[in-house]
Amino acid sequence: MENIIIGALLLASVVGLTIIIERGFALRTRRIIPRSVEDALEACHALTDWPALQRICEQNPSPLSRLLVQAGQRRHWSKAENASALETTARHEVALMERRLVILEIIVGIAPLLGLVGTIYGLIELFGGLSMSGLGDNTGMAKGIADALNATLIGLLTAIPSLIAWSYYNKKVESLAVEMAALCDRFLIGQYHNEEAEAKAAAAFVSRT
């Protein structure tokens, strides 16, 4: 039983380490928000600049690129409709960025508990044996307690790195989502600026007549 628990903890540690490394590569800032796309967005101020930005986005696939391409393809929509659709797409992209983080959260919760179960089971076995053989072998008793505590130690060593990574990646996803939202909002303002100016001018003309 104790060997099964230790094996489960070792498996959880391997899975957790794999996810930590994979998410570390996947959530790099320049993988989510490529520098070339950000620079092209800075230069996109009107409808005529859109083809160049679209080409850069297609050459550098990323969550931000996909958001900008979809927003650009909906330029004939009203600004409110485009912004609403973009928000829905952004939630999907954020969900993709958060994938597998739930596994780290599960490991954080179950690893210490599995370690505690392993320790309790080991102590039960130890004291059950002592009830038969007595307390004459202090060395054996100390070794038995140490072996039982190994499960708790492994559980904590598995949970702590997973907790750190889970907290860090969640915060990073949140900050990246905020930055992407700001960039997409800047894109929409640039694309609809001329239309809004024309609408205001037309309204002012109508009011004067």
N, C-alpha and C. Protein backbone atom coordinates (compact mmCIF):
# COMPACT_ATOMS: atom_id res chain seq x y z
N MET A 1 0.83 -1.21 0.00
CA MET A 1 0.00 0.00 0.00
C MET A 1 0.87 1.26 0.00
N GLU A 2 1.88 1.26 0.88
CA GLU A 2 2.75 2.43 0.96
C GLU A 2 3.52 2.64 -0.34
N ASN A 3 3.95 1.52 -0.96
CA ASN A 3 4.67 1.62 -2.23
C ASN A 3 3.77 2.19 -3.33
N ILE A 4 2.48 1.85 -3.29
CA ILE A 4 1.55 2.39 -4.28
C ILE A 4 1.42 3.89 -4.12
N ILE A 5 1.33 4.35 -2.86
CA ILE A 5 1.20 5.79 -2.60
C ILE A 5 2.46 6.53 -3.03
N ILE A 6 3.63 5.97 -2.71
CA ILE A 6 4.89 6.60 -3.13
C ILE A 6 4.96 6.64 -4.66
N GLY A 7 4.55 5.56 -5.31
CA GLY A 7 4.55 5.54 -6.78
C GLY A 7 3.63 6.59 -7.37
N ALA A 8 2.45 6.74 -6.74
CA ALA A 8 1.51 7.77 -7.21
C ALA A 8 2.09 9.17 -7.04
N LEU A 9 2.79 9.39 -5.94
CA LEU A 9 3.42 10.70 -5.71
C LEU A 9 4.53 10.97 -6.72
N LEU A 10 5.32 9.96 -7.01
CA LEU A 10 6.39 10.13 -8.00
C LEU A 10 5.81 10.41 -9.38
N LEU A 11 4.72 9.72 -9.72
CA LEU A 11 4.05 9.97 -10.99
C LEU A 11 3.51 11.40 -11.04
N ALA A 12 2.90 11.84 -9.94
CA ALA A 12 2.38 13.22 -9.89
C ALA A 12 3.49 14.24 -10.04
N SER A 13 4.66 13.95 -9.45
CA SER A 13 5.78 14.88 -9.57
C SER A 13 6.29 14.96 -11.00
N VAL A 14 6.32 13.82 -11.70
CA VAL A 14 6.76 13.81 -13.10
C VAL A 14 5.77 14.57 -13.97
N VAL A 15 4.47 14.33 -13.76
CA VAL A 15 3.44 15.04 -14.53
C VAL A 15 3.51 16.54 -14.26
N GLY A 16 3.65 16.90 -12.99
CA GLY A 16 3.73 18.32 -12.64
C GLY A 16 4.93 18.99 -13.26
N LEU A 17 6.08 18.33 -13.23
CA LEU A 17 7.29 18.91 -13.81
C LEU A 17 7.14 19.07 -15.32
N THR A 18 6.52 18.09 -15.97
CA THR A 18 6.30 18.17 -17.41
C THR A 18 5.42 19.36 -17.77
N ILE A 19 4.34 19.56 -17.01
CA ILE A 19 3.43 20.68 -17.28
C ILE A 19 4.12 22.01 -17.00
N ILE A 20 4.92 22.07 -15.95
CA ILE A 20 5.63 23.31 -15.62
C ILE A 20 6.55 23.71 -16.77
N ILE A 21 7.28 22.75 -17.32
CA ILE A 21 8.19 23.04 -18.42
C ILE A 21 7.41 23.42 -19.68
N GLU A 22 6.36 22.65 -19.99
CA GLU A 22 5.57 22.91 -21.20
C GLU A 22 4.90 24.28 -21.17
N ARG A 23 4.29 24.62 -20.03
CA ARG A 23 3.63 25.93 -19.91
C ARG A 23 4.65 27.06 -19.89
N GLY A 24 5.86 26.77 -19.39
CA GLY A 24 6.90 27.78 -19.39
C GLY A 24 7.25 28.21 -20.81
N PHE A 25 7.33 27.25 -21.72
CA PHE A 25 7.60 27.56 -23.13
C PHE A 25 6.37 28.18 -23.79
N ALA A 26 5.18 27.64 -23.50
CA ALA A 26 3.96 28.09 -24.17
C ALA A 26 3.57 29.50 -23.79
N LEU A 27 3.87 29.92 -22.56
CA LEU A 27 3.43 31.22 -22.07
C LEU A 27 4.53 32.28 -22.10
N ARG A 28 5.55 32.06 -22.91
CA ARG A 28 6.53 33.12 -23.09
C ARG A 28 5.86 34.34 -23.71
N THR A 29 6.22 35.51 -23.22
CA THR A 29 5.54 36.74 -23.65
C THR A 29 5.60 36.92 -25.15
N ARG A 30 6.76 36.71 -25.76
CA ARG A 30 6.90 36.93 -27.19
C ARG A 30 6.28 35.81 -28.02
N ARG A 31 5.88 34.74 -27.39
CA ARG A 31 5.11 33.71 -28.10
C ARG A 31 3.63 34.09 -28.14
N ILE A 32 3.16 34.80 -27.12
CA ILE A 32 1.77 35.24 -27.06
C ILE A 32 1.60 36.58 -27.79
N ILE A 33 2.56 37.49 -27.57
CA ILE A 33 2.51 38.82 -28.18
C ILE A 33 3.82 39.04 -28.94
N PRO A 34 3.92 38.56 -30.18
CA PRO A 34 5.17 38.70 -30.92
C PRO A 34 5.55 40.16 -31.13
N ARG A 35 6.83 40.43 -31.06
CA ARG A 35 7.31 41.80 -31.23
C ARG A 35 6.96 42.36 -32.60
N SER A 36 7.09 41.53 -33.65
CA SER A 36 6.80 42.00 -35.01
C SER A 36 5.33 42.39 -35.16
N VAL A 37 4.43 41.63 -34.53
CA VAL A 37 3.00 41.95 -34.59
C VAL A 37 2.72 43.24 -33.82
N GLU A 38 3.35 43.39 -32.67
CA GLU A 38 3.15 44.60 -31.87
C GLU A 38 3.65 45.84 -32.62
N ASP A 39 4.81 45.70 -33.29
CA ASP A 39 5.34 46.83 -34.07
C ASP A 39 4.43 47.17 -35.25
N ALA A 40 3.92 46.13 -35.93
CA ALA A 40 3.02 46.37 -37.06
C ALA A 40 1.73 47.03 -36.59
N LEU A 41 1.27 46.65 -35.40
CA LEU A 41 0.06 47.26 -34.86
C LEU A 41 0.29 48.73 -34.54
N GLU A 42 1.48 49.07 -34.07
CA GLU A 42 1.80 50.46 -33.78
C GLU A 42 1.72 51.32 -35.05
N ALA A 43 2.06 50.69 -36.20
CA ALA A 43 2.06 51.43 -37.46
C ALA A 43 0.71 51.40 -38.17
N CYS A 44 -0.25 50.69 -37.60
CA CYS A 44 -1.57 50.56 -38.24
C CYS A 44 -2.50 51.63 -37.67
N HIS A 45 -2.74 52.67 -38.45
CA HIS A 45 -3.55 53.79 -37.97
C HIS A 45 -4.82 53.99 -38.79
N ALA A 46 -4.95 53.30 -39.91
CA ALA A 46 -6.11 53.51 -40.78
C ALA A 46 -6.44 52.21 -41.51
N LEU A 47 -7.56 52.22 -42.23
CA LEU A 47 -7.98 51.03 -42.95
C LEU A 47 -6.95 50.59 -43.98
N THR A 48 -6.26 51.55 -44.57
CA THR A 48 -5.28 51.21 -45.60
C THR A 48 -4.05 50.49 -45.04
N ASP A 49 -3.83 50.57 -43.74
CA ASP A 49 -2.69 49.90 -43.12
C ASP A 49 -3.01 48.46 -42.75
N TRP A 50 -4.26 48.07 -42.85
CA TRP A 50 -4.67 46.73 -42.42
C TRP A 50 -3.99 45.61 -43.19
N PRO A 51 -3.86 45.64 -44.53
CA PRO A 51 -3.24 44.50 -45.24
C PRO A 51 -1.84 44.17 -44.73
N ALA A 52 -1.04 45.19 -44.43
CA ALA A 52 0.31 44.93 -43.93
C ALA A 52 0.26 44.24 -42.56
N LEU A 53 -0.62 44.69 -41.69
CA LEU A 53 -0.76 44.07 -40.37
C LEU A 53 -1.26 42.64 -40.50
N GLN A 54 -2.21 42.41 -41.39
CA GLN A 54 -2.73 41.06 -41.59
C GLN A 54 -1.62 40.11 -42.05
N ARG A 55 -0.78 40.58 -42.95
CA ARG A 55 0.31 39.74 -43.45
C ARG A 55 1.28 39.37 -42.32
N ILE A 56 1.60 40.35 -41.47
CA ILE A 56 2.51 40.08 -40.34
C ILE A 56 1.87 39.09 -39.37
N CYS A 57 0.57 39.24 -39.11
CA CYS A 57 -0.14 38.34 -38.19
C CYS A 57 -0.14 36.91 -38.73
N GLU A 58 -0.34 36.75 -40.02
CA GLU A 58 -0.35 35.41 -40.62
C GLU A 58 1.03 34.78 -40.61
N GLN A 59 2.06 35.61 -40.67
CA GLN A 59 3.42 35.10 -40.63
C GLN A 59 3.87 34.76 -39.22
N ASN A 60 3.21 35.31 -38.23
CA ASN A 60 3.56 35.08 -36.82
C ASN A 60 2.33 34.63 -36.04
N PRO A 61 1.90 33.38 -36.22
CA PRO A 61 0.70 32.91 -35.52
C PRO A 61 0.87 32.96 -34.00
N SER A 62 -0.12 33.51 -33.34
CA SER A 62 -0.10 33.65 -31.89
C SER A 62 -1.52 34.03 -31.45
N PRO A 63 -1.82 33.98 -30.15
CA PRO A 63 -3.14 34.43 -29.69
C PRO A 63 -3.47 35.86 -30.12
N LEU A 64 -2.51 36.78 -29.98
CA LEU A 64 -2.76 38.17 -30.39
C LEU A 64 -3.00 38.25 -31.89
N SER A 65 -2.22 37.53 -32.67
CA SER A 65 -2.38 37.54 -34.13
C SER A 65 -3.77 37.08 -34.53
N ARG A 66 -4.24 36.01 -33.90
CA ARG A 66 -5.58 35.49 -34.23
C ARG A 66 -6.66 36.49 -33.86
N LEU A 67 -6.50 37.17 -32.74
CA LEU A 67 -7.49 38.17 -32.34
C LEU A 67 -7.53 39.33 -33.34
N LEU A 68 -6.36 39.80 -33.74
CA LEU A 68 -6.30 40.93 -34.66
C LEU A 68 -6.86 40.55 -36.03
N VAL A 69 -6.55 39.35 -36.49
CA VAL A 69 -7.05 38.92 -37.80
C VAL A 69 -8.58 38.84 -37.79
N GLN A 70 -9.14 38.27 -36.72
CA GLN A 70 -10.59 38.18 -36.65
C GLN A 70 -11.23 39.56 -36.54
N ALA A 71 -10.62 40.45 -35.78
CA ALA A 71 -11.16 41.81 -35.67
C ALA A 71 -11.06 42.53 -37.01
N GLY A 72 -9.97 42.33 -37.73
CA GLY A 72 -9.81 42.96 -39.02
C GLY A 72 -10.79 42.44 -40.06
N GLN A 73 -11.07 41.15 -39.99
CA GLN A 73 -12.03 40.57 -40.94
C GLN A 73 -13.46 41.04 -40.68
N ARG A 74 -13.69 41.58 -39.49
CA ARG A 74 -15.03 42.08 -39.16
C ARG A 74 -15.08 43.61 -39.21
N ARG A 75 -14.23 44.22 -40.01
CA ARG A 75 -14.19 45.68 -40.06
C ARG A 75 -15.48 46.28 -40.58
N HIS A 76 -16.23 45.49 -41.37
CA HIS A 76 -17.50 46.01 -41.90
C HIS A 76 -18.61 45.99 -40.84
N TRP A 77 -18.35 45.33 -39.69
CA TRP A 77 -19.31 45.35 -38.59
C TRP A 77 -19.21 46.70 -37.88
N SER A 78 -20.21 46.98 -37.05
CA SER A 78 -20.11 48.17 -36.20
C SER A 78 -19.05 47.93 -35.13
N LYS A 79 -18.55 49.01 -34.55
CA LYS A 79 -17.51 48.89 -33.54
C LYS A 79 -17.99 48.08 -32.33
N ALA A 80 -19.21 48.32 -31.90
CA ALA A 80 -19.75 47.60 -30.74
C ALA A 80 -19.87 46.11 -31.02
N GLU A 81 -20.35 45.75 -32.21
CA GLU A 81 -20.49 44.33 -32.56
C GLU A 81 -19.12 43.67 -32.66
N ASN A 82 -18.18 44.37 -33.27
CA ASN A 82 -16.83 43.82 -33.42
C ASN A 82 -16.18 43.62 -32.05
N ALA A 83 -16.32 44.60 -31.17
CA ALA A 83 -15.73 44.51 -29.84
C ALA A 83 -16.34 43.36 -29.04
N SER A 84 -17.66 43.17 -29.18
CA SER A 84 -18.33 42.08 -28.47
C SER A 84 -17.85 40.71 -28.96
N ALA A 85 -17.75 40.57 -30.29
CA ALA A 85 -17.27 39.31 -30.85
C ALA A 85 -15.82 39.06 -30.48
N LEU A 86 -15.03 40.13 -30.44
CA LEU A 86 -13.62 40.00 -30.09
C LEU A 86 -13.46 39.57 -28.63
N GLU A 87 -14.33 40.05 -27.78
CA GLU A 87 -14.27 39.66 -26.37
C GLU A 87 -14.54 38.16 -26.20
N THR A 88 -15.49 37.65 -26.98
CA THR A 88 -15.79 36.21 -26.92
C THR A 88 -14.59 35.40 -27.41
N THR A 89 -13.98 35.83 -28.50
CA THR A 89 -12.81 35.13 -29.03
C THR A 89 -11.65 35.21 -28.05
N ALA A 90 -11.50 36.35 -27.39
CA ALA A 90 -10.42 36.52 -26.42
C ALA A 90 -10.57 35.56 -25.24
N ARG A 91 -11.80 35.35 -24.80
CA ARG A 91 -12.01 34.39 -23.70
C ARG A 91 -11.57 33.00 -24.11
N HIS A 92 -11.84 32.63 -25.36
CA HIS A 92 -11.40 31.32 -25.86
C HIS A 92 -9.88 31.23 -25.88
N GLU A 93 -9.21 32.29 -26.32
CA GLU A 93 -7.74 32.29 -26.35
C GLU A 93 -7.17 32.20 -24.93
N VAL A 94 -7.77 32.89 -23.99
CA VAL A 94 -7.30 32.83 -22.61
C VAL A 94 -7.49 31.41 -22.05
N ALA A 95 -8.61 30.78 -22.40
CA ALA A 95 -8.85 29.41 -21.96
C ALA A 95 -7.78 28.46 -22.50
N LEU A 96 -7.35 28.69 -23.74
CA LEU A 96 -6.27 27.87 -24.30
C LEU A 96 -4.95 28.12 -23.57
N MET A 97 -4.71 29.36 -23.18
CA MET A 97 -3.50 29.68 -22.44
C MET A 97 -3.50 29.03 -21.05
N GLU A 98 -4.69 28.83 -20.49
CA GLU A 98 -4.81 28.27 -19.13
C GLU A 98 -4.88 26.75 -19.12
N ARG A 99 -4.90 26.12 -20.30
CA ARG A 99 -5.06 24.67 -20.33
C ARG A 99 -3.90 23.99 -19.60
N ARG A 100 -4.22 22.89 -18.98
CA ARG A 100 -3.31 22.06 -18.18
C ARG A 100 -2.97 22.67 -16.82
N LEU A 101 -3.27 23.94 -16.60
CA LEU A 101 -2.99 24.51 -15.28
C LEU A 101 -3.87 23.88 -14.21
N VAL A 102 -5.04 23.41 -14.61
CA VAL A 102 -5.92 22.75 -13.64
C VAL A 102 -5.27 21.48 -13.10
N ILE A 103 -4.43 20.82 -13.92
CA ILE A 103 -3.74 19.62 -13.44
C ILE A 103 -2.77 19.99 -12.33
N LEU A 104 -2.07 21.12 -12.49
CA LEU A 104 -1.18 21.58 -11.41
C LEU A 104 -1.98 21.86 -10.15
N GLU A 105 -3.16 22.45 -10.32
CA GLU A 105 -4.00 22.74 -9.15
C GLU A 105 -4.41 21.45 -8.44
N ILE A 106 -4.72 20.43 -9.22
CA ILE A 106 -5.09 19.14 -8.62
C ILE A 106 -3.91 18.53 -7.88
N ILE A 107 -2.72 18.61 -8.48
CA ILE A 107 -1.53 18.06 -7.84
C ILE A 107 -1.25 18.78 -6.52
N VAL A 108 -1.43 20.11 -6.53
CA VAL A 108 -1.24 20.89 -5.31
C VAL A 108 -2.16 20.40 -4.19
N GLY A 109 -3.38 20.02 -4.56
CA GLY A 109 -4.34 19.58 -3.55
C GLY A 109 -4.13 18.16 -3.06
N ILE A 110 -3.81 17.24 -3.98
CA ILE A 110 -3.79 15.82 -3.60
C ILE A 110 -2.42 15.34 -3.12
N ALA A 111 -1.33 15.97 -3.56
CA ALA A 111 -0.01 15.46 -3.19
C ALA A 111 0.23 15.47 -1.67
N PRO A 112 -0.05 16.57 -0.95
CA PRO A 112 0.14 16.51 0.51
C PRO A 112 -0.78 15.49 1.18
N LEU A 113 -2.00 15.36 0.64
CA LEU A 113 -2.94 14.40 1.23
C LEU A 113 -2.46 12.97 1.02
N LEU A 114 -1.96 12.68 -0.19
CA LEU A 114 -1.41 11.35 -0.43
C LEU A 114 -0.21 11.08 0.47
N GLY A 115 0.63 12.10 0.66
CA GLY A 115 1.76 11.95 1.56
C GLY A 115 1.33 11.67 2.98
N LEU A 116 0.28 12.37 3.41
CA LEU A 116 -0.23 12.16 4.77
C LEU A 116 -0.81 10.76 4.92
N VAL A 117 -1.53 10.32 3.90
CA VAL A 117 -2.08 8.95 3.95
C VAL A 117 -0.95 7.93 4.03
N GLY A 118 0.10 8.14 3.22
CA GLY A 118 1.23 7.22 3.27
C GLY A 118 1.89 7.19 4.63
N THR A 119 2.04 8.35 5.25
CA THR A 119 2.65 8.41 6.58
C THR A 119 1.79 7.71 7.63
N ILE A 120 0.49 7.99 7.59
CA ILE A 120 -0.41 7.36 8.56
C ILE A 120 -0.42 5.84 8.39
N TYR A 121 -0.47 5.40 7.14
CA TYR A 121 -0.46 3.96 6.89
C TYR A 121 0.84 3.34 7.39
N GLY A 122 1.97 4.03 7.14
CA GLY A 122 3.25 3.51 7.61
C GLY A 122 3.31 3.43 9.12
N LEU A 123 2.78 4.43 9.81
CA LEU A 123 2.77 4.40 11.28
C LEU A 123 1.86 3.31 11.82
N ILE A 124 0.74 3.11 11.14
CA ILE A 124 -0.16 2.03 11.57
C ILE A 124 0.54 0.68 11.46
N GLU A 125 1.24 0.48 10.34
CA GLU A 125 1.98 -0.78 10.17
C GLU A 125 3.08 -0.91 11.21
N LEU A 126 3.76 0.22 11.50
CA LEU A 126 4.85 0.18 12.46
C LEU A 126 4.35 -0.19 13.85
N PHE A 127 3.33 0.53 14.32
CA PHE A 127 2.85 0.27 15.68
C PHE A 127 2.11 -1.05 15.76
N GLY A 128 1.55 -1.49 14.64
CA GLY A 128 0.95 -2.83 14.63
C GLY A 128 2.01 -3.90 14.83
N GLY A 129 3.17 -3.70 14.22
CA GLY A 129 4.26 -4.66 14.41
C GLY A 129 4.84 -4.59 15.81
N LEU A 130 4.90 -3.39 16.36
CA LEU A 130 5.45 -3.24 17.73
C LEU A 130 4.55 -3.91 18.76
N SER A 131 3.26 -3.96 18.48
CA SER A 131 2.36 -4.61 19.43
C SER A 131 2.64 -6.10 19.52
N MET A 132 3.26 -6.62 18.48
CA MET A 132 3.58 -8.05 18.48
C MET A 132 4.98 -8.31 19.02
N SER A 133 5.93 -7.41 18.68
CA SER A 133 7.34 -7.66 19.04
C SER A 133 7.80 -6.89 20.26
N GLY A 134 7.03 -5.88 20.69
CA GLY A 134 7.43 -5.08 21.84
C GLY A 134 8.31 -3.91 21.43
N LEU A 135 8.80 -3.17 22.42
CA LEU A 135 9.56 -1.94 22.17
C LEU A 135 11.06 -2.14 22.36
N GLY A 136 11.52 -3.35 22.26
CA GLY A 136 12.94 -3.61 22.51
C GLY A 136 13.86 -3.03 21.46
N ASP A 137 13.42 -2.96 20.19
CA ASP A 137 14.28 -2.51 19.09
C ASP A 137 14.02 -1.03 18.78
N ASN A 138 14.73 -0.16 19.47
CA ASN A 138 14.54 1.28 19.24
C ASN A 138 15.03 1.72 17.87
N THR A 139 16.09 1.08 17.39
CA THR A 139 16.63 1.42 16.08
C THR A 139 15.61 1.12 14.98
N GLY A 140 15.01 -0.05 15.08
CA GLY A 140 13.99 -0.43 14.09
C GLY A 140 12.79 0.50 14.15
N MET A 141 12.41 0.92 15.35
CA MET A 141 11.27 1.83 15.50
C MET A 141 11.57 3.19 14.86
N ALA A 142 12.79 3.70 15.12
CA ALA A 142 13.17 5.00 14.54
C ALA A 142 13.20 4.92 13.02
N LYS A 143 13.72 3.81 12.49
CA LYS A 143 13.77 3.64 11.04
C LYS A 143 12.37 3.55 10.46
N GLY A 144 11.48 2.88 11.17
CA GLY A 144 10.11 2.75 10.70
C GLY A 144 9.40 4.10 10.64
N ILE A 145 9.62 4.92 11.66
CA ILE A 145 9.01 6.27 11.67
C ILE A 145 9.58 7.12 10.54
N ALA A 146 10.90 7.04 10.35
CA ALA A 146 11.54 7.81 9.28
C ALA A 146 10.99 7.39 7.92
N ASP A 147 10.84 6.08 7.71
CA ASP A 147 10.30 5.60 6.43
C ASP A 147 8.87 6.08 6.22
N ALA A 148 8.09 6.10 7.30
CA ALA A 148 6.70 6.56 7.19
C ALA A 148 6.63 8.04 6.84
N LEU A 149 7.55 8.82 7.41
CA LEU A 149 7.55 10.27 7.14
C LEU A 149 8.03 10.61 5.73
N ASN A 150 8.68 9.66 5.07
CA ASN A 150 9.14 9.92 3.70
C ASN A 150 7.98 10.27 2.77
N ALA A 151 6.84 9.64 2.99
CA ALA A 151 5.67 9.89 2.14
C ALA A 151 5.22 11.35 2.25
N THR A 152 5.19 11.87 3.49
CA THR A 152 4.81 13.27 3.68
C THR A 152 5.82 14.20 3.02
N LEU A 153 7.10 13.87 3.16
CA LEU A 153 8.15 14.70 2.55
C LEU A 153 7.99 14.72 1.02
N ILE A 154 7.79 13.57 0.42
CA ILE A 154 7.64 13.50 -1.04
C ILE A 154 6.40 14.27 -1.49
N GLY A 155 5.32 14.15 -0.71
CA GLY A 155 4.09 14.86 -1.04
C GLY A 155 4.29 16.37 -1.03
N LEU A 156 5.01 16.87 -0.02
CA LEU A 156 5.26 18.31 0.06
C LEU A 156 6.21 18.77 -1.05
N LEU A 157 7.24 17.97 -1.33
CA LEU A 157 8.18 18.33 -2.39
C LEU A 157 7.52 18.31 -3.77
N THR A 158 6.44 17.54 -3.90
CA THR A 158 5.69 17.53 -5.15
C THR A 158 4.74 18.73 -5.23
N ALA A 159 4.11 19.05 -4.11
CA ALA A 159 3.08 20.09 -4.11
C ALA A 159 3.67 21.50 -4.17
N ILE A 160 4.78 21.74 -3.51
CA ILE A 160 5.31 23.11 -3.41
C ILE A 160 5.71 23.68 -4.77
N PRO A 161 6.51 22.98 -5.59
CA PRO A 161 6.82 23.54 -6.91
C PRO A 161 5.58 23.72 -7.78
N SER A 162 4.63 22.79 -7.67
CA SER A 162 3.39 22.90 -8.45
C SER A 162 2.59 24.11 -8.03
N LEU A 163 2.56 24.40 -6.72
CA LEU A 163 1.84 25.57 -6.23
C LEU A 163 2.49 26.86 -6.73
N ILE A 164 3.81 26.90 -6.68
CA ILE A 164 4.52 28.10 -7.15
C ILE A 164 4.25 28.32 -8.64
N ALA A 165 4.37 27.24 -9.42
CA ALA A 165 4.16 27.36 -10.87
C ALA A 165 2.71 27.72 -11.19
N TRP A 166 1.77 27.11 -10.50
CA TRP A 166 0.35 27.39 -10.75
C TRP A 166 0.03 28.85 -10.46
N SER A 167 0.53 29.36 -9.35
CA SER A 167 0.28 30.77 -9.01
C SER A 167 0.93 31.71 -10.01
N TYR A 168 2.16 31.40 -10.39
CA TYR A 168 2.89 32.26 -11.33
C TYR A 168 2.23 32.26 -12.70
N TYR A 169 1.87 31.09 -13.21
CA TYR A 169 1.29 31.01 -14.55
C TYR A 169 -0.10 31.64 -14.60
N ASN A 170 -0.88 31.49 -13.56
CA ASN A 170 -2.19 32.14 -13.53
C ASN A 170 -2.04 33.66 -13.58
N LYS A 171 -1.10 34.17 -12.81
CA LYS A 171 -0.87 35.62 -12.83
C LYS A 171 -0.34 36.06 -14.18
N LYS A 172 0.50 35.25 -14.80
CA LYS A 172 1.06 35.62 -16.10
C LYS A 172 -0.03 35.62 -17.17
N VAL A 173 -0.91 34.62 -17.15
CA VAL A 173 -2.02 34.58 -18.10
C VAL A 173 -2.90 35.83 -17.94
N GLU A 174 -3.14 36.19 -16.69
CA GLU A 174 -3.97 37.38 -16.43
C GLU A 174 -3.32 38.64 -16.99
N SER A 175 -2.01 38.82 -16.77
CA SER A 175 -1.33 40.01 -17.27
C SER A 175 -1.26 40.01 -18.78
N LEU A 176 -1.04 38.85 -19.40
CA LEU A 176 -1.00 38.77 -20.86
C LEU A 176 -2.37 39.07 -21.46
N ALA A 177 -3.42 38.60 -20.79
CA ALA A 177 -4.78 38.87 -21.28
C ALA A 177 -5.08 40.36 -21.23
N VAL A 178 -4.65 41.03 -20.17
CA VAL A 178 -4.87 42.48 -20.06
C VAL A 178 -4.10 43.22 -21.15
N GLU A 179 -2.87 42.79 -21.41
CA GLU A 179 -2.06 43.45 -22.44
C GLU A 179 -2.66 43.22 -23.82
N MET A 180 -3.14 42.01 -24.10
CA MET A 180 -3.77 41.75 -25.39
C MET A 180 -5.03 42.56 -25.56
N ALA A 181 -5.80 42.71 -24.48
CA ALA A 181 -7.03 43.51 -24.55
C ALA A 181 -6.71 44.96 -24.87
N ALA A 182 -5.65 45.49 -24.28
CA ALA A 182 -5.26 46.87 -24.55
C ALA A 182 -4.84 47.05 -26.00
N LEU A 183 -4.08 46.08 -26.53
CA LEU A 183 -3.63 46.17 -27.92
C LEU A 183 -4.80 46.04 -28.90
N CYS A 184 -5.71 45.14 -28.61
CA CYS A 184 -6.88 44.99 -29.48
C CYS A 184 -7.77 46.22 -29.43
N ASP A 185 -7.90 46.81 -28.26
CA ASP A 185 -8.69 48.04 -28.15
C ASP A 185 -8.04 49.17 -28.95
N ARG A 186 -6.71 49.24 -28.92
CA ARG A 186 -6.01 50.24 -29.71
C ARG A 186 -6.24 50.02 -31.21
N PHE A 187 -6.28 48.74 -31.61
CA PHE A 187 -6.53 48.43 -33.02
C PHE A 187 -7.93 48.87 -33.44
N LEU A 188 -8.92 48.59 -32.60
CA LEU A 188 -10.29 48.98 -32.93
C LEU A 188 -10.43 50.50 -33.00
N ILE A 189 -9.80 51.20 -32.09
CA ILE A 189 -9.87 52.66 -32.11
C ILE A 189 -9.28 53.20 -33.41
N GLY A 190 -8.14 52.63 -33.83
CA GLY A 190 -7.52 53.08 -35.06
C GLY A 190 -8.35 52.78 -36.29
N GLN A 191 -9.00 51.62 -36.30
CA GLN A 191 -9.78 51.24 -37.48
C GLN A 191 -11.09 52.01 -37.59
N TYR A 192 -11.67 52.36 -36.46
CA TYR A 192 -12.98 53.03 -36.49
C TYR A 192 -12.87 54.53 -36.26
N HIS A 193 -11.67 55.04 -36.11
CA HIS A 193 -11.49 56.47 -35.81
C HIS A 193 -12.04 57.35 -36.93
N ASN A 194 -11.69 57.00 -38.15
CA ASN A 194 -12.15 57.83 -39.28
C ASN A 194 -13.66 57.80 -39.42
N GLU A 195 -14.25 56.60 -39.22
CA GLU A 195 -15.70 56.49 -39.33
C GLU A 195 -16.40 57.32 -38.26
N GLU A 196 -15.86 57.28 -37.05
CA GLU A 196 -16.48 58.05 -35.96
C GLU A 196 -16.34 59.54 -36.23
N ALA A 197 -15.18 59.97 -36.77
CA ALA A 197 -14.99 61.38 -37.07
C ALA A 197 -15.96 61.84 -38.16
N GLU A 198 -16.14 60.99 -39.17
CA GLU A 198 -17.08 61.33 -40.24
C GLU A 198 -18.51 61.40 -39.71
N ALA A 199 -18.87 60.50 -38.82
CA ALA A 199 -20.22 60.49 -38.26
C ALA A 199 -20.47 61.74 -37.42
N LYS A 200 -19.45 62.14 -36.65
CA LYS A 200 -19.59 63.36 -35.85
C LYS A 200 -19.71 64.59 -36.74
N ALA A 201 -18.93 64.62 -37.82
CA ALA A 201 -19.00 65.75 -38.75
C ALA A 201 -20.37 65.83 -39.42
N ALA A 202 -20.90 64.66 -39.79
CA ALA A 202 -22.21 64.64 -40.42
C ALA A 202 -23.29 65.09 -39.45
N ALA A 203 -23.18 64.65 -38.20
CA ALA A 203 -24.16 65.04 -37.19
C ALA A 203 -24.11 66.54 -36.93
N ALA A 204 -22.87 67.09 -36.91
CA ALA A 204 -22.73 68.53 -36.71
C ALA A 204 -23.31 69.30 -37.87
N PHE A 205 -23.12 68.80 -39.10
CA PHE A 205 -23.68 69.46 -40.27
C PHE A 205 -25.19 69.47 -40.25
N VAL A 206 -25.78 68.32 -39.87
CA VAL A 206 -27.24 68.20 -39.80
C VAL A 206 -27.78 69.15 -38.76
N SER A 207 -27.09 69.25 -37.60
CA SER A 207 -27.59 70.12 -36.54
C SER A 207 -27.55 71.60 -36.97
N ARG A 208 -26.57 71.98 -37.81
CA ARG A 208 -26.48 73.37 -38.25
C ARG A 208 -27.56 73.71 -39.27
N THR A 209 -27.97 72.68 -40.04
CA THR A 209 -29.00 72.93 -41.05
C THR A 209 -30.40 72.78 -40.44
